[in-house]
Amino acid sequence: MSTIRQIRYTPRGPITINTSQLLGAFMLRTMAVTFGLVALFATNSASAADKIRLSMVPNTYVEAAQHIAKQEGFFSKNGLDVEFVKLKGDILNLRALIGKEVEFSSVGSFALINAIQKGADLRAVISTVPEQPHMLVSIKAIKSWKDLPGHTFAISQPGAISQTFPRAIMTMLGIDPDKVQYIAIGGNGARQRALLTGKVDATLIHKERAVMVAKSSDKHHVIGGTADHLRGVPLVYHAARKEWLDKNPGITKRYIRSLLQAARFMVRNKDIMVKYGQTVIKADRKIIEDSFEVYKKSGVWGLNGGLNKKGFDLTIKLGVDTGELKKPITYKEVVTTKYVDEFLKEFGRE
């Protein structure tokens, strides 16, 4: 049978407690735990950012939404780490998307629709540029679109926006687009330089660059804009593979949220957008300010996702009528509005 020994403690003197030392030790331990938790959460937050890749043409002022989303922290606030893959032209961007080298790609509307018609399992999830920003700029011997046959015309690459939209407009105007000599040069900046150095007679470039050409050369002028003929036809869609979208709805939702938050930020922050424009194209502040106002008022920067069915239907009709698209295709075969709809339900339309 076990026994329990009782030990009586008799203090030899009064017991004193140093409360300041006890409080100090408690606070030090609390601070250590707090800082440890902060570090842990910071580490977890950084590691929790989902990494995705977006392919697009090199920096342009028009397609600013993704750049502003990164610059102003909208991607990071929505838990995304987005890598930009800069490629020259729609065809290279499509190849990167179809080949699973990127998760999203910014692609011209005709190019994307053509790819889907040919069997690519892609879907448009947003249009950051739902209206036309391009201007036709040429030597002064060319007075209008009808004078283009027989002249050289700079494009980024065959099948890209810089070729498909001019071809569509010429067909609408009864001009044979095949009588124009297309020369693959590169992006907006490269086409601008090719025109000014006499390598080509005409090209399509964004408004701010068109104004720069007209102001810097007495041999060239601006004829008009694609919006004069293609009102409501979106310039680009951001697209992804349907298989990837189905597996990653959360990432897609945050991606769309980031782009739309950036677009709405853009139109409210002129100074930031002017500074951004100057870094991209090195133009005078006045040119960028004027372009900002035009893009803002004309709806070039889409604040509500740009997935307008009326604009899509117009694109299809135009494409079929002009031969840029081989046959009609339905809205649902190309576009998924789920993620834009969710954003608009939460934040409303502007």
Protein backbone atom coordinates (compact mmCIF):
# COMPACT_ATOMS: atom_id res chain seq x y z
CA MET A 1 0.00 0.00 0.00
CA SER A 2 1.48 3.28 -1.11
CA THR A 3 1.88 6.20 1.23
CA ILE A 4 1.81 9.88 0.49
CA ARG A 5 4.28 12.07 2.25
CA GLN A 6 3.10 15.56 3.06
CA ILE A 7 5.73 18.26 3.08
CA ARG A 8 4.91 21.47 4.82
CA TYR A 9 6.63 24.60 3.53
CA THR A 10 7.35 27.20 6.11
CA PRO A 11 8.54 30.51 4.70
CA ARG A 12 11.63 31.98 6.35
CA GLY A 13 10.46 35.51 5.76
CA PRO A 14 7.93 37.65 3.93
CA ILE A 15 7.37 36.85 0.26
CA THR A 16 7.86 39.84 -2.08
CA ILE A 17 6.88 40.02 -5.77
CA ASN A 18 8.59 42.54 -8.10
CA THR A 19 5.57 43.47 -10.25
CA SER A 20 7.58 45.64 -12.67
CA GLN A 21 9.91 42.73 -13.46
CA LEU A 22 6.99 40.34 -13.81
CA LEU A 23 5.11 42.76 -16.10
CA GLY A 24 8.26 43.37 -18.15
CA ALA A 25 8.81 39.66 -18.64
CA PHE A 26 5.16 39.20 -19.61
CA MET A 27 5.32 42.03 -22.14
CA LEU A 28 8.55 40.71 -23.66
CA ARG A 29 7.03 37.28 -24.08
CA THR A 30 3.82 38.77 -25.54
CA MET A 31 5.81 40.88 -28.00
CA ALA A 32 7.84 37.86 -29.06
CA VAL A 33 4.67 35.88 -29.71
CA THR A 34 3.08 38.82 -31.54
CA PHE A 35 6.08 39.41 -33.80
CA GLY A 36 6.29 35.70 -34.43
CA LEU A 37 2.67 35.63 -35.54
CA VAL A 38 3.16 38.71 -37.75
CA ALA A 39 6.16 37.11 -39.41
CA LEU A 40 4.23 33.89 -39.84
CA PHE A 41 1.26 35.65 -41.43
CA ALA A 42 3.54 37.72 -43.65
CA THR A 43 5.31 34.59 -44.82
CA ASN A 44 2.04 32.81 -45.41
CA SER A 45 0.63 35.84 -47.26
CA ALA A 46 3.64 36.05 -49.55
CA SER A 47 3.66 32.34 -50.25
CA ALA A 48 -0.11 32.33 -50.78
CA ALA A 49 0.07 34.61 -53.85
CA ASP A 50 -0.94 32.58 -56.89
CA LYS A 51 1.56 32.91 -59.73
CA ILE A 52 0.13 33.31 -63.22
CA ARG A 53 1.51 34.48 -66.57
CA LEU A 54 -0.11 36.93 -68.97
CA SER A 55 1.11 37.27 -72.55
CA MET A 56 0.54 40.54 -74.41
CA VAL A 57 2.06 42.94 -76.88
CA PRO A 58 4.85 45.16 -75.51
CA ASN A 59 3.85 48.16 -73.36
CA THR A 60 1.14 50.38 -74.83
CA TYR A 61 -0.78 53.25 -73.31
CA VAL A 62 -4.10 51.86 -74.53
CA GLU A 63 -3.66 48.44 -72.91
CA ALA A 64 -2.70 49.96 -69.58
CA ALA A 65 -5.05 48.03 -67.27
CA GLN A 66 -2.71 45.12 -66.55
CA HIS A 67 0.25 47.46 -66.03
CA ILE A 68 -1.68 49.68 -63.64
CA ALA A 69 -3.00 46.60 -61.83
CA LYS A 70 0.59 45.64 -61.13
CA GLN A 71 1.99 49.15 -60.57
CA GLU A 72 -0.73 50.17 -58.11
CA GLY A 73 -0.85 46.83 -56.31
CA PHE A 74 -4.27 45.53 -57.38
CA PHE A 75 -2.87 42.15 -58.38
CA SER A 76 -0.98 41.72 -55.12
CA LYS A 77 -3.94 42.89 -53.02
CA ASN A 78 -5.99 40.17 -54.68
CA GLY A 79 -3.38 37.51 -53.94
CA LEU A 80 -1.85 37.30 -57.42
CA ASP A 81 1.73 37.37 -58.62
CA VAL A 82 1.42 38.12 -62.34
CA GLU A 83 4.33 37.73 -64.73
CA PHE A 84 4.11 39.63 -68.03
CA VAL A 85 5.26 37.78 -71.14
CA LYS A 86 5.67 40.34 -73.91
CA LEU A 87 5.23 39.02 -77.44
CA LYS A 88 4.86 40.82 -80.76
CA GLY A 89 1.44 40.21 -82.26
CA ASP A 90 -1.72 38.19 -81.73
CA ILE A 91 -0.49 34.99 -83.35
CA LEU A 92 2.47 34.62 -80.97
CA ASN A 93 0.22 35.39 -78.01
CA LEU A 94 -2.28 32.75 -79.14
CA ARG A 95 0.46 30.17 -79.56
CA ALA A 96 1.71 30.85 -76.05
CA LEU A 97 -1.81 30.46 -74.64
CA ILE A 98 -2.69 27.32 -76.57
CA GLY A 99 0.74 25.85 -75.79
CA LYS A 100 0.15 26.33 -72.04
CA GLU A 101 3.11 28.70 -71.72
CA VAL A 102 0.80 31.29 -70.11
CA GLU A 103 -2.52 31.24 -68.25
CA PHE A 104 -4.00 34.39 -69.83
CA SER A 105 -3.37 36.24 -73.06
CA SER A 106 -4.50 39.61 -74.44
CA VAL A 107 -5.53 38.88 -78.03
CA GLY A 108 -7.24 40.78 -80.85
CA SER A 109 -10.95 39.97 -81.14
CA PHE A 110 -10.84 38.62 -84.73
CA ALA A 111 -7.72 36.55 -84.00
CA LEU A 112 -9.29 34.94 -80.91
CA ILE A 113 -12.58 34.17 -82.68
CA ASN A 114 -10.72 32.66 -85.63
CA ALA A 115 -8.69 30.45 -83.30
CA ILE A 116 -11.82 29.19 -81.52
CA GLN A 117 -13.49 28.45 -84.85
CA LYS A 118 -10.46 26.36 -85.77
CA GLY A 119 -10.83 24.26 -82.63
CA ALA A 120 -8.88 26.09 -79.91
CA ASP A 121 -10.66 25.52 -76.59
CA LEU A 122 -10.36 29.13 -75.43
CA ARG A 123 -12.75 31.61 -73.85
CA ALA A 124 -12.76 35.40 -73.54
CA VAL A 125 -13.23 36.49 -69.92
CA ILE A 126 -12.90 40.30 -70.22
CA SER A 127 -12.19 43.08 -72.69
CA THR A 128 -10.04 45.82 -71.21
CA VAL A 129 -10.28 47.77 -74.50
CA PRO A 130 -13.86 47.35 -75.78
CA GLU A 131 -13.62 50.23 -78.27
CA GLN A 132 -11.26 51.20 -81.08
CA PRO A 133 -8.21 53.42 -80.32
CA HIS A 134 -6.32 53.24 -83.65
CA MET A 135 -5.71 55.97 -86.23
CA LEU A 136 -4.74 55.62 -89.88
CA VAL A 137 -1.57 57.64 -90.48
CA SER A 138 0.14 57.99 -93.85
CA ILE A 139 2.21 60.04 -96.23
CA LYS A 140 0.27 63.03 -97.52
CA ALA A 141 -0.05 61.54 -101.00
CA ILE A 142 -2.60 59.17 -99.47
CA LYS A 143 -5.74 61.22 -98.85
CA SER A 144 -8.14 58.52 -97.66
CA TRP A 145 -8.60 54.79 -97.16
CA LYS A 146 -9.42 54.50 -100.87
CA ASP A 147 -5.90 55.59 -101.80
CA LEU A 148 -4.19 52.71 -99.96
CA PRO A 149 -4.06 50.16 -102.84
CA GLY A 150 -0.60 50.14 -104.41
CA HIS A 151 1.06 51.42 -101.23
CA THR A 152 3.05 49.76 -98.46
CA PHE A 153 1.33 49.31 -95.09
CA ALA A 154 3.10 48.42 -91.83
CA ILE A 155 1.57 45.70 -89.63
CA SER A 156 2.86 43.87 -86.58
CA GLN A 157 2.51 40.46 -88.23
CA PRO A 158 0.07 38.70 -90.57
CA GLY A 159 -3.34 38.12 -88.99
CA ALA A 160 -2.84 40.67 -86.21
CA ILE A 161 -5.11 43.59 -85.29
CA SER A 162 -2.99 45.98 -87.34
CA GLN A 163 -3.93 44.00 -90.46
CA THR A 164 -7.38 42.51 -89.83
CA PHE A 165 -9.12 45.76 -88.89
CA PRO A 166 -7.77 47.80 -91.84
CA ARG A 167 -8.71 44.96 -94.19
CA ALA A 168 -12.23 44.91 -92.76
CA ILE A 169 -12.62 48.67 -93.17
CA MET A 170 -11.32 48.63 -96.74
CA THR A 171 -13.72 45.83 -97.63
CA MET A 172 -16.59 47.82 -96.10
CA LEU A 173 -15.61 50.78 -98.26
CA GLY A 174 -15.43 48.70 -101.44
CA ILE A 175 -11.62 48.68 -101.56
CA ASP A 176 -9.70 45.51 -102.43
CA PRO A 177 -7.45 44.96 -99.37
CA ASP A 178 -5.29 42.50 -101.28
CA LYS A 179 -3.95 45.34 -103.42
CA VAL A 180 -2.15 46.78 -100.40
CA GLN A 181 1.38 45.58 -99.70
CA TYR A 182 1.56 44.57 -96.03
CA ILE A 183 4.98 44.60 -94.35
CA ALA A 184 5.47 42.97 -90.94
CA ILE A 185 7.30 45.50 -88.78
CA GLY A 186 6.29 45.02 -85.16
CA GLY A 187 4.36 46.89 -82.47
CA ASN A 188 3.03 50.45 -82.39
CA GLY A 189 6.42 52.04 -81.74
CA ALA A 190 8.13 50.07 -84.51
CA ARG A 191 5.39 50.94 -87.00
CA GLN A 192 5.59 54.61 -86.03
CA ARG A 193 9.36 54.61 -86.70
CA ALA A 194 8.95 52.73 -89.97
CA LEU A 195 6.51 55.37 -91.21
CA LEU A 196 8.68 58.32 -90.18
CA THR A 197 11.82 56.80 -91.74
CA GLY A 198 10.10 56.14 -95.06
CA LYS A 199 10.08 52.35 -94.89
CA VAL A 200 6.30 52.29 -95.39
CA ASP A 201 3.62 54.64 -96.69
CA ALA A 202 0.91 54.06 -94.09
CA THR A 203 0.07 52.23 -90.89
CA LEU A 204 -2.37 51.92 -88.01
CA ILE A 205 -1.18 53.20 -84.61
CA HIS A 206 -2.75 54.39 -81.37
CA LYS A 207 -4.02 57.96 -81.15
CA GLU A 208 -1.18 59.36 -79.03
CA ARG A 209 1.43 58.06 -81.48
CA ALA A 210 -0.57 59.33 -84.45
CA VAL A 211 -0.54 62.84 -82.98
CA MET A 212 3.21 62.55 -82.40
CA VAL A 213 3.73 61.70 -86.08
CA ALA A 214 1.59 64.58 -87.31
CA LYS A 215 3.38 67.06 -85.04
CA SER A 216 6.89 65.87 -85.85
CA SER A 217 6.64 65.51 -89.64
CA ASP A 218 5.29 67.74 -92.38
CA LYS A 219 5.29 64.75 -94.74
CA HIS A 220 2.65 62.75 -92.86
CA HIS A 221 -0.89 63.25 -91.61
CA VAL A 222 -3.73 61.52 -89.78
CA ILE A 223 -6.55 60.35 -92.05
CA GLY A 224 -9.02 59.07 -89.47
CA GLY A 225 -9.72 56.45 -86.83
CA THR A 226 -10.91 52.87 -86.90
CA ALA A 227 -13.68 53.94 -84.51
CA ASP A 228 -15.22 55.88 -87.41
CA HIS A 229 -16.09 52.53 -88.98
CA LEU A 230 -15.89 49.95 -86.18
CA ARG A 231 -17.76 51.53 -83.28
CA GLY A 232 -18.54 48.87 -80.69
CA VAL A 233 -16.04 46.31 -82.02
CA PRO A 234 -13.69 45.39 -79.14
CA LEU A 235 -9.98 45.76 -79.75
CA VAL A 236 -8.81 42.89 -77.53
CA TYR A 237 -10.07 40.16 -75.26
CA HIS A 238 -8.22 38.60 -72.34
CA ALA A 239 -8.61 34.89 -72.93
CA ALA A 240 -7.72 31.63 -71.22
CA ARG A 241 -8.02 27.92 -71.91
CA LYS A 242 -11.47 26.64 -70.90
CA GLU A 243 -9.93 23.64 -69.16
CA TRP A 244 -7.79 25.93 -67.00
CA LEU A 245 -10.72 28.26 -66.23
CA ASP A 246 -12.83 25.33 -65.02
CA LYS A 247 -10.08 24.28 -62.62
CA ASN A 248 -9.19 27.77 -61.37
CA PRO A 249 -12.37 29.82 -60.83
CA GLY A 250 -10.96 31.56 -57.74
CA ILE A 251 -7.83 32.80 -59.48
CA THR A 252 -9.87 33.94 -62.47
CA LYS A 253 -12.27 35.88 -60.27
CA ARG A 254 -9.37 37.69 -58.60
CA TYR A 255 -7.72 38.36 -61.95
CA ILE A 256 -10.89 39.98 -63.33
CA ARG A 257 -11.36 41.93 -60.10
CA SER A 258 -7.81 43.30 -60.35
CA LEU A 259 -8.20 44.44 -63.97
CA LEU A 260 -11.53 46.16 -63.37
CA GLN A 261 -10.33 47.84 -60.20
CA ALA A 262 -7.33 49.09 -62.21
CA ALA A 263 -9.53 50.35 -65.06
CA ARG A 264 -11.73 52.33 -62.68
CA PHE A 265 -8.65 53.67 -60.92
CA MET A 266 -7.23 54.80 -64.29
CA VAL A 267 -10.10 57.10 -65.26
CA ARG A 268 -10.08 58.72 -61.81
CA ASN A 269 -6.35 59.39 -61.68
CA LYS A 270 -5.33 61.48 -64.65
CA ASP A 271 -1.93 62.54 -63.30
CA ILE A 272 -0.86 58.95 -62.68
CA MET A 273 -2.05 57.92 -66.15
CA VAL A 274 -0.26 60.84 -67.81
CA LYS A 275 2.98 59.93 -66.05
CA TYR A 276 2.54 56.31 -67.04
CA GLY A 277 1.90 57.34 -70.66
CA GLN A 278 5.04 59.45 -70.73
CA THR A 279 7.15 56.51 -69.52
CA VAL A 280 5.68 54.22 -72.17
CA ILE A 281 5.81 56.38 -75.30
CA LYS A 282 8.00 59.38 -74.37
CA ALA A 283 5.48 61.91 -75.69
CA ASP A 284 4.80 65.48 -74.61
CA ARG A 285 2.50 65.76 -71.60
CA LYS A 286 -0.14 67.62 -73.64
CA ILE A 287 -0.39 64.74 -76.14
CA ILE A 288 -0.87 62.22 -73.34
CA GLU A 289 -3.41 64.44 -71.57
CA ASP A 290 -5.46 64.79 -74.78
CA SER A 291 -5.30 61.03 -75.40
CA PHE A 292 -6.36 60.35 -71.82
CA GLU A 293 -9.48 62.48 -72.24
CA VAL A 294 -10.37 60.87 -75.57
CA TYR A 295 -9.95 57.31 -74.26
CA LYS A 296 -11.91 58.12 -71.11
CA LYS A 297 -14.84 59.75 -72.91
CA SER A 298 -15.04 57.24 -75.78
CA GLY A 299 -15.05 54.18 -73.52
CA VAL A 300 -11.78 52.79 -74.85
CA TRP A 301 -10.95 51.72 -71.29
CA GLY A 302 -13.69 49.32 -70.29
CA LEU A 303 -15.03 49.93 -66.78
CA ASN A 304 -17.63 47.15 -66.86
CA GLY A 305 -15.73 44.27 -68.45
CA GLY A 306 -16.42 45.04 -72.10
CA LEU A 307 -18.29 41.78 -72.78
CA ASN A 308 -21.10 43.49 -74.64
CA LYS A 309 -23.12 41.01 -76.72
CA LYS A 310 -24.18 43.72 -79.14
CA GLY A 311 -20.53 44.57 -79.78
CA PHE A 312 -19.72 40.89 -80.19
CA ASP A 313 -22.55 40.36 -82.68
CA LEU A 314 -21.36 43.39 -84.64
CA THR A 315 -17.83 41.93 -84.68
CA ILE A 316 -19.11 38.63 -86.07
CA LYS A 317 -21.25 40.28 -88.72
CA LEU A 318 -18.41 42.54 -89.77
CA GLY A 319 -15.97 39.63 -89.86
CA VAL A 320 -18.23 37.43 -91.98
CA ASP A 321 -19.26 40.26 -94.30
CA THR A 322 -15.66 41.24 -94.96
CA GLY A 323 -14.23 37.74 -95.09
CA GLU A 324 -12.08 38.13 -91.99
CA LEU A 325 -14.16 35.37 -90.36
CA LYS A 326 -15.10 32.26 -92.32
CA LYS A 327 -18.48 31.69 -90.64
CA PRO A 328 -20.68 32.91 -87.76
CA ILE A 329 -20.13 31.70 -84.22
CA THR A 330 -22.30 32.14 -81.12
CA TYR A 331 -21.55 34.42 -78.19
CA LYS A 332 -21.44 31.51 -75.72
CA GLU A 333 -18.87 29.67 -77.84
CA VAL A 334 -16.42 32.54 -77.40
CA VAL A 335 -17.29 34.45 -74.21
CA THR A 336 -17.86 33.52 -70.58
CA THR A 337 -19.40 36.38 -68.60
CA LYS A 338 -19.43 34.61 -65.22
CA TYR A 339 -16.50 36.46 -63.66
CA VAL A 340 -17.38 39.92 -64.94
CA ASP A 341 -20.99 39.36 -63.83
CA GLU A 342 -19.80 38.49 -60.32
CA PHE A 343 -17.74 41.68 -60.14
CA LEU A 344 -20.61 43.87 -61.38
CA LYS A 345 -23.01 42.26 -58.91
CA GLU A 346 -20.64 43.16 -56.06
CA PHE A 347 -19.42 46.59 -57.20
CA GLY A 348 -22.06 47.79 -59.66
CA ARG A 349 -21.71 49.31 -63.14
CA GLU A 350 -20.03 52.61 -63.94
